[in-house]
Amino acid sequence: MQPRVSILLQVLKPLPLVGIMLWVKVVAVRLQDEETRERERERASTMLNLDEEEAWANRLAQAGEKENEGV
């Protein structure tokens, strides 16, 4: 009976360390995902700002063309 307990303890001894390592990995992946989402938000915001600037430039150009037609 004693060898079985010894073997069982040898098998179970590293489990807390494995659990901690898995937890650290999960936290690292979540942080990386959060950083990736933040970068995607910034990129989308930048693209939106560029689209808005382009739209304003187009409106100004169209307004200028209309003024030139009226003259």
PDB file of N, CA and C in Angstrom:
ATOM      1  N   MET A   1       0.825  -1.195   0.000  1.00  0.00           N
ATOM      2  CA  MET A   1       0.000   0.000   0.000  1.00  0.00           C
ATOM      3  C   MET A   1       0.870   1.260   0.000  1.00  0.00           C
ATOM      4  N   GLN A   2       1.974   1.215   0.687  1.00  0.00           N
ATOM      5  CA  GLN A   2       2.856   2.373   0.780  1.00  0.00           C
ATOM      6  C   GLN A   2       3.415   2.795  -0.586  1.00  0.00           C
ATOM      7  N   PRO A   3       3.838   1.872  -1.465  1.00  0.00           N
ATOM      8  CA  PRO A   3       4.358   2.301  -2.770  1.00  0.00           C
ATOM      9  C   PRO A   3       3.299   3.017  -3.610  1.00  0.00           C
ATOM     10  N   ARG A   4       2.050   2.601  -3.500  1.00  0.00           N
ATOM     11  CA  ARG A   4       0.980   3.259  -4.263  1.00  0.00           C
ATOM     12  C   ARG A   4       0.821   4.717  -3.834  1.00  0.00           C
ATOM     13  N   VAL A   5       0.857   4.959  -2.535  1.00  0.00           N
ATOM     14  CA  VAL A   5       0.736   6.320  -2.018  1.00  0.00           C
ATOM     15  C   VAL A   5       1.922   7.152  -2.492  1.00  0.00           C
ATOM     16  N   SER A   6       3.097   6.578  -2.460  1.00  0.00           N
ATOM     17  CA  SER A   6       4.294   7.281  -2.900  1.00  0.00           C
ATOM     18  C   SER A   6       4.197   7.645  -4.379  1.00  0.00           C
ATOM     19  N   ILE A   7       3.752   6.698  -5.192  1.00  0.00           N
ATOM     20  CA  ILE A   7       3.595   6.953  -6.627  1.00  0.00           C
ATOM     21  C   ILE A   7       2.531   8.022  -6.845  1.00  0.00           C
ATOM     22  N   LEU A   8       1.421   7.926  -6.115  1.00  0.00           N
ATOM     23  CA  LEU A   8       0.347   8.904  -6.244  1.00  0.00           C
ATOM     24  C   LEU A   8       0.848  10.306  -5.879  1.00  0.00           C
ATOM     25  N   LEU A   9       1.619  10.424  -4.810  1.00  0.00           N
ATOM     26  CA  LEU A   9       2.165  11.722  -4.418  1.00  0.00           C
ATOM     27  C   LEU A   9       3.132  12.259  -5.469  1.00  0.00           C
ATOM     28  N   GLN A  10       3.929  11.380  -6.062  1.00  0.00           N
ATOM     29  CA  GLN A  10       4.859  11.818  -7.107  1.00  0.00           C
ATOM     30  C   GLN A  10       4.103  12.343  -8.323  1.00  0.00           C
ATOM     31  N   VAL A  11       2.964  11.728  -8.617  1.00  0.00           N
ATOM     32  CA  VAL A  11       2.165  12.157  -9.767  1.00  0.00           C
ATOM     33  C   VAL A  11       1.454  13.469  -9.462  1.00  0.00           C
ATOM     34  N   LEU A  12       0.909  13.605  -8.254  1.00  0.00           N
ATOM     35  CA  LEU A  12       0.120  14.786  -7.908  1.00  0.00           C
ATOM     36  C   LEU A  12       0.965  15.995  -7.515  1.00  0.00           C
ATOM     37  N   LYS A  13       2.209  15.787  -7.145  1.00  0.00           N
ATOM     38  CA  LYS A  13       3.058  16.879  -6.666  1.00  0.00           C
ATOM     39  C   LYS A  13       3.196  18.023  -7.685  1.00  0.00           C
ATOM     40  N   PRO A  14       3.419  17.766  -8.967  1.00  0.00           N
ATOM     41  CA  PRO A  14       3.588  18.878  -9.913  1.00  0.00           C
ATOM     42  C   PRO A  14       2.275  19.532 -10.358  1.00  0.00           C
ATOM     43  N   LEU A  15       1.126  18.994  -9.988  1.00  0.00           N
ATOM     44  CA  LEU A  15      -0.139  19.545 -10.464  1.00  0.00           C
ATOM     45  C   LEU A  15      -0.361  21.016 -10.104  1.00  0.00           C
ATOM     46  N   PRO A  16      -0.077  21.470  -8.884  1.00  0.00           N
ATOM     47  CA  PRO A  16      -0.260  22.902  -8.609  1.00  0.00           C
ATOM     48  C   PRO A  16       0.597  23.781  -9.524  1.00  0.00           C
ATOM     49  N   LEU A  17       1.821  23.352  -9.786  1.00  0.00           N
ATOM     50  CA  LEU A  17       2.695  24.114 -10.676  1.00  0.00           C
ATOM     51  C   LEU A  17       2.114  24.157 -12.086  1.00  0.00           C
ATOM     52  N   VAL A  18       1.591  23.040 -12.552  1.00  0.00           N
ATOM     53  CA  VAL A  18       0.970  22.995 -13.879  1.00  0.00           C
ATOM     54  C   VAL A  18      -0.243  23.920 -13.910  1.00  0.00           C
ATOM     55  N   GLY A  19      -1.037  23.910 -12.837  1.00  0.00           N
ATOM     56  CA  GLY A  19      -2.200  24.791 -12.763  1.00  0.00           C
ATOM     57  C   GLY A  19      -1.805  26.253 -12.814  1.00  0.00           C
ATOM     58  N   ILE A  20      -0.760  26.603 -12.091  1.00  0.00           N
ATOM     59  CA  ILE A  20      -0.285  27.994 -12.099  1.00  0.00           C
ATOM     60  C   ILE A  20       0.212  28.369 -13.489  1.00  0.00           C
ATOM     61  N   MET A  21       0.949  27.471 -14.127  1.00  0.00           N
ATOM     62  CA  MET A  21       1.462  27.755 -15.472  1.00  0.00           C
ATOM     63  C   MET A  21       0.316  27.952 -16.458  1.00  0.00           C
ATOM     64  N   LEU A  22      -0.717  27.126 -16.359  1.00  0.00           N
ATOM     65  CA  LEU A  22      -1.872  27.280 -17.248  1.00  0.00           C
ATOM     66  C   LEU A  22      -2.586  28.600 -16.986  1.00  0.00           C
ATOM     67  N   TRP A  23      -2.725  28.975 -15.724  1.00  0.00           N
ATOM     68  CA  TRP A  23      -3.383  30.232 -15.378  1.00  0.00           C
ATOM     69  C   TRP A  23      -2.602  31.412 -15.951  1.00  0.00           C
ATOM     70  N   VAL A  24      -1.277  31.382 -15.811  1.00  0.00           N
ATOM     71  CA  VAL A  24      -0.434  32.452 -16.354  1.00  0.00           C
ATOM     72  C   VAL A  24      -0.596  32.527 -17.864  1.00  0.00           C
ATOM     73  N   LYS A  25      -0.652  31.381 -18.518  1.00  0.00           N
ATOM     74  CA  LYS A  25      -0.815  31.355 -19.976  1.00  0.00           C
ATOM     75  C   LYS A  25      -2.160  31.965 -20.372  1.00  0.00           C
ATOM     76  N   VAL A  26      -3.222  31.625 -19.661  1.00  0.00           N
ATOM     77  CA  VAL A  26      -4.549  32.169 -19.959  1.00  0.00           C
ATOM     78  C   VAL A  26      -4.550  33.687 -19.779  1.00  0.00           C
ATOM     79  N   VAL A  27      -3.956  34.165 -18.704  1.00  0.00           N
ATOM     80  CA  VAL A  27      -3.898  35.609 -18.461  1.00  0.00           C
ATOM     81  C   VAL A  27      -3.096  36.295 -19.565  1.00  0.00           C
ATOM     82  N   ALA A  28      -1.986  35.703 -19.967  1.00  0.00           N
ATOM     83  CA  ALA A  28      -1.161  36.292 -21.027  1.00  0.00           C
ATOM     84  C   ALA A  28      -1.929  36.370 -22.339  1.00  0.00           C
ATOM     85  N   VAL A  29      -2.672  35.322 -22.662  1.00  0.00           N
ATOM     86  CA  VAL A  29      -3.452  35.318 -23.904  1.00  0.00           C
ATOM     87  C   VAL A  29      -4.548  36.375 -23.836  1.00  0.00           C
ATOM     88  N   ARG A  30      -5.199  36.507 -22.697  1.00  0.00           N
ATOM     89  CA  ARG A  30      -6.248  37.526 -22.561  1.00  0.00           C
ATOM     90  C   ARG A  30      -5.680  38.932 -22.716  1.00  0.00           C
ATOM     91  N   LEU A  31      -4.528  39.184 -22.111  1.00  0.00           N
ATOM     92  CA  LEU A  31      -3.902  40.502 -22.241  1.00  0.00           C
ATOM     93  C   LEU A  31      -3.511  40.774 -23.686  1.00  0.00           C
ATOM     94  N   GLN A  32      -2.992  39.753 -24.351  1.00  0.00           N
ATOM     95  CA  GLN A  32      -2.610  39.912 -25.752  1.00  0.00           C
ATOM     96  C   GLN A  32      -3.845  40.189 -26.606  1.00  0.00           C
ATOM     97  N   ASP A  33      -4.936  39.474 -26.344  1.00  0.00           N
ATOM     98  CA  ASP A  33      -6.176  39.714 -27.079  1.00  0.00           C
ATOM     99  C   ASP A  33      -6.677  41.134 -26.844  1.00  0.00           C
ATOM    100  N   GLU A  34      -6.575  41.596 -25.606  1.00  0.00           N
ATOM    101  CA  GLU A  34      -7.023  42.949 -25.278  1.00  0.00           C
ATOM    102  C   GLU A  34      -6.179  43.990 -26.025  1.00  0.00           C
ATOM    103  N   GLU A  35      -4.863  43.769 -26.067  1.00  0.00           N
ATOM    104  CA  GLU A  35      -3.985  44.689 -26.802  1.00  0.00           C
ATOM    105  C   GLU A  35      -4.315  44.674 -28.291  1.00  0.00           C
ATOM    106  N   THR A  36      -4.584  43.489 -28.815  1.00  0.00           N
ATOM    107  CA  THR A  36      -4.926  43.376 -30.234  1.00  0.00           C
ATOM    108  C   THR A  36      -6.226  44.115 -30.515  1.00  0.00           C
ATOM    109  N   ARG A  37      -7.221  43.942 -29.650  1.00  0.00           N
ATOM    110  CA  ARG A  37      -8.490  44.650 -29.839  1.00  0.00           C
ATOM    111  C   ARG A  37      -8.292  46.161 -29.787  1.00  0.00           C
ATOM    112  N   GLU A  38      -7.450  46.616 -28.868  1.00  0.00           N
ATOM    113  CA  GLU A  38      -7.184  48.052 -28.752  1.00  0.00           C
ATOM    114  C   GLU A  38      -6.520  48.575 -30.027  1.00  0.00           C
ATOM    115  N   ARG A  39      -5.558  47.823 -30.561  1.00  0.00           N
ATOM    116  CA  ARG A  39      -4.909  48.245 -31.810  1.00  0.00           C
ATOM    117  C   ARG A  39      -5.910  48.287 -32.951  1.00  0.00           C
ATOM    118  N   GLU A  40      -6.807  47.300 -32.996  1.00  0.00           N
ATOM    119  CA  GLU A  40      -7.831  47.280 -34.049  1.00  0.00           C
ATOM    120  C   GLU A  40      -8.764  48.480 -33.914  1.00  0.00           C
ATOM    121  N   ARG A  41      -9.134  48.841 -32.678  1.00  0.00           N
ATOM    122  CA  ARG A  41      -9.980  50.020 -32.464  1.00  0.00           C
ATOM    123  C   ARG A  41      -9.277  51.283 -32.946  1.00  0.00           C
ATOM    124  N   GLU A  42      -7.997  51.404 -32.606  1.00  0.00           N
ATOM    125  CA  GLU A  42      -7.236  52.582 -33.036  1.00  0.00           C
ATOM    126  C   GLU A  42      -7.153  52.645 -34.559  1.00  0.00           C
ATOM    127  N   ARG A  43      -6.907  51.500 -35.182  1.00  0.00           N
ATOM    128  CA  ARG A  43      -6.811  51.455 -36.639  1.00  0.00           C
ATOM    129  C   ARG A  43      -8.151  51.829 -37.269  1.00  0.00           C
ATOM    130  N   ALA A  44      -9.237  51.297 -36.715  1.00  0.00           N
ATOM    131  CA  ALA A  44     -10.569  51.615 -37.246  1.00  0.00           C
ATOM    132  C   ALA A  44     -10.878  53.097 -37.054  1.00  0.00           C
ATOM    133  N   SER A  45     -10.495  53.642 -35.910  1.00  0.00           N
ATOM    134  CA  SER A  45     -10.721  55.061 -35.648  1.00  0.00           C
ATOM    135  C   SER A  45      -9.931  55.917 -36.634  1.00  0.00           C
ATOM    136  N   THR A  46      -8.699  55.528 -36.896  1.00  0.00           N
ATOM    137  CA  THR A  46      -7.871  56.261 -37.855  1.00  0.00           C
ATOM    138  C   THR A  46      -8.485  56.204 -39.241  1.00  0.00           C
ATOM    139  N   MET A  47      -8.944  55.016 -39.628  1.00  0.00           N
ATOM    140  CA  MET A  47      -9.561  54.873 -40.951  1.00  0.00           C
ATOM    141  C   MET A  47     -10.836  55.709 -41.030  1.00  0.00           C
ATOM    142  N   LEU A  48     -11.609  55.752 -39.958  1.00  0.00           N
ATOM    143  CA  LEU A  48     -12.833  56.549 -39.931  1.00  0.00           C
ATOM    144  C   LEU A  48     -12.498  58.030 -40.078  1.00  0.00           C
ATOM    145  N   ASN A  49     -11.469  58.471 -39.361  1.00  0.00           N
ATOM    146  CA  ASN A  49     -11.050  59.875 -39.473  1.00  0.00           C
ATOM    147  C   ASN A  49     -10.602  60.194 -40.891  1.00  0.00           C
ATOM    148  N   LEU A  50      -9.861  59.284 -41.518  1.00  0.00           N
ATOM    149  CA  LEU A  50      -9.426  59.513 -42.895  1.00  0.00           C
ATOM    150  C   LEU A  50     -10.622  59.572 -43.835  1.00  0.00           C
ATOM    151  N   ASP A  51     -11.597  58.684 -43.617  1.00  0.00           N
ATOM    152  CA  ASP A  51     -12.805  58.691 -44.445  1.00  0.00           C
ATOM    153  C   ASP A  51     -13.567  60.002 -44.279  1.00  0.00           C
ATOM    154  N   GLU A  52     -13.658  60.495 -43.041  1.00  0.00           N
ATOM    155  CA  GLU A  52     -14.352  61.761 -42.797  1.00  0.00           C
ATOM    156  C   GLU A  52     -13.621  62.919 -43.479  1.00  0.00           C
ATOM    157  N   GLU A  53     -12.295  62.922 -43.385  1.00  0.00           N
ATOM    158  CA  GLU A  53     -11.519  63.983 -44.034  1.00  0.00           C
ATOM    159  C   GLU A  53     -11.697  63.933 -45.548  1.00  0.00           C
ATOM    160  N   GLU A  54     -11.697  62.719 -46.084  1.00  0.00           N
ATOM    161  CA  GLU A  54     -11.891  62.565 -47.528  1.00  0.00           C
ATOM    162  C   GLU A  54     -13.283  63.040 -47.937  1.00  0.00           C
ATOM    163  N   ALA A  55     -14.282  62.719 -47.126  1.00  0.00           N
ATOM    164  CA  ALA A  55     -15.651  63.146 -47.425  1.00  0.00           C
ATOM    165  C   ALA A  55     -15.741  64.676 -47.414  1.00  0.00           C
ATOM    166  N   TRP A  56     -15.106  65.308 -46.425  1.00  0.00           N
ATOM    167  CA  TRP A  56     -15.120  66.779 -46.380  1.00  0.00           C
ATOM    168  C   TRP A  56     -14.398  67.368 -47.587  1.00  0.00           C
ATOM    169  N   ALA A  57     -13.284  66.774 -47.967  1.00  0.00           N
ATOM    170  CA  ALA A  57     -12.548  67.266 -49.136  1.00  0.00           C
ATOM    171  C   ALA A  57     -13.408  67.148 -50.386  1.00  0.00           C
ATOM    172  N   ASN A  58     -14.126  66.033 -50.515  1.00  0.00           N
ATOM    173  CA  ASN A  58     -15.013  65.853 -51.672  1.00  0.00           C
ATOM    174  C   ASN A  58     -16.140  66.889 -51.666  1.00  0.00           C
ATOM    175  N   ARG A  59     -16.711  67.149 -50.495  1.00  0.00           N
ATOM    176  CA  ARG A  59     -17.789  68.143 -50.399  1.00  0.00           C
ATOM    177  C   ARG A  59     -17.279  69.532 -50.788  1.00  0.00           C
ATOM    178  N   LEU A  60     -16.097  69.870 -50.297  1.00  0.00           N
ATOM    179  CA  LEU A  60     -15.525  71.179 -50.635  1.00  0.00           C
ATOM    180  C   LEU A  60     -15.231  71.276 -52.131  1.00  0.00           C
ATOM    181  N   ALA A  61     -14.730  70.191 -52.701  1.00  0.00           N
ATOM    182  CA  ALA A  61     -14.443  70.188 -54.139  1.00  0.00           C
ATOM    183  C   ALA A  61     -15.735  70.343 -54.935  1.00  0.00           C
ATOM    184  N   GLN A  62     -16.787  69.640 -54.516  1.00  0.00           N
ATOM    185  CA  GLN A  62     -18.074  69.745 -55.214  1.00  0.00           C
ATOM    186  C   GLN A  62     -18.642  71.154 -55.075  1.00  0.00           C
ATOM    187  N   ALA A  63     -18.498  71.739 -53.895  1.00  0.00           N
ATOM    188  CA  ALA A  63     -18.987  73.107 -53.689  1.00  0.00           C
ATOM    189  C   ALA A  63     -18.207  74.074 -54.577  1.00  0.00           C
ATOM    190  N   GLY A  64     -16.911  73.864 -54.695  1.00  0.00           N
ATOM    191  CA  GLY A  64     -16.094  74.708 -55.562  1.00  0.00           C
ATOM    192  C   GLY A  64     -16.490  74.564 -57.017  1.00  0.00           C
ATOM    193  N   GLU A  65     -16.811  73.331 -57.444  1.00  0.00           N
ATOM    194  CA  GLU A  65     -17.247  73.101 -58.825  1.00  0.00           C
ATOM    195  C   GLU A  65     -18.577  73.797 -59.089  1.00  0.00           C
ATOM    196  N   LYS A  66     -19.477  73.750 -58.125  1.00  0.00           N
ATOM    197  CA  LYS A  66     -20.784  74.398 -58.294  1.00  0.00           C
ATOM    198  C   LYS A  66     -20.615  75.908 -58.403  1.00  0.00           C
ATOM    199  N   GLU A  67     -19.707  76.470 -57.600  1.00  0.00           N
ATOM    200  CA  GLU A  67     -19.457  77.912 -57.675  1.00  0.00           C
ATOM    201  C   GLU A  67     -18.880  78.283 -59.037  1.00  0.00           C
ATOM    202  N   ASN A  68     -17.982  77.438 -59.550  1.00  0.00           N
ATOM    203  CA  ASN A  68     -17.381  77.709 -60.857  1.00  0.00           C
ATOM    204  C   ASN A  68     -18.418  77.612 -61.974  1.00  0.00           C
ATOM    205  N   GLU A  69     -19.365  76.698 -61.845  1.00  0.00           N
ATOM    206  CA  GLU A  69     -20.424  76.563 -62.853  1.00  0.00           C
ATOM    207  C   GLU A  69     -21.325  77.793 -62.850  1.00  0.00           C
ATOM    208  N   GLY A  70     -21.582  78.340 -61.680  1.00  0.00           N
ATOM    209  CA  GLY A  70     -22.466  79.491 -61.545  1.00  0.00           C
ATOM    210  C   GLY A  70     -21.832  80.772 -62.069  1.00  0.00           C
ATOM    211  N   VAL A  71     -20.533  80.820 -62.158  1.00  0.00           N
ATOM    212  CA  VAL A  71     -19.840  82.055 -62.575  1.00  0.00           C
ATOM    213  C   VAL A  71     -19.828  82.214 -64.052  1.00  0.00           C
TER     214      VAL A  71
END
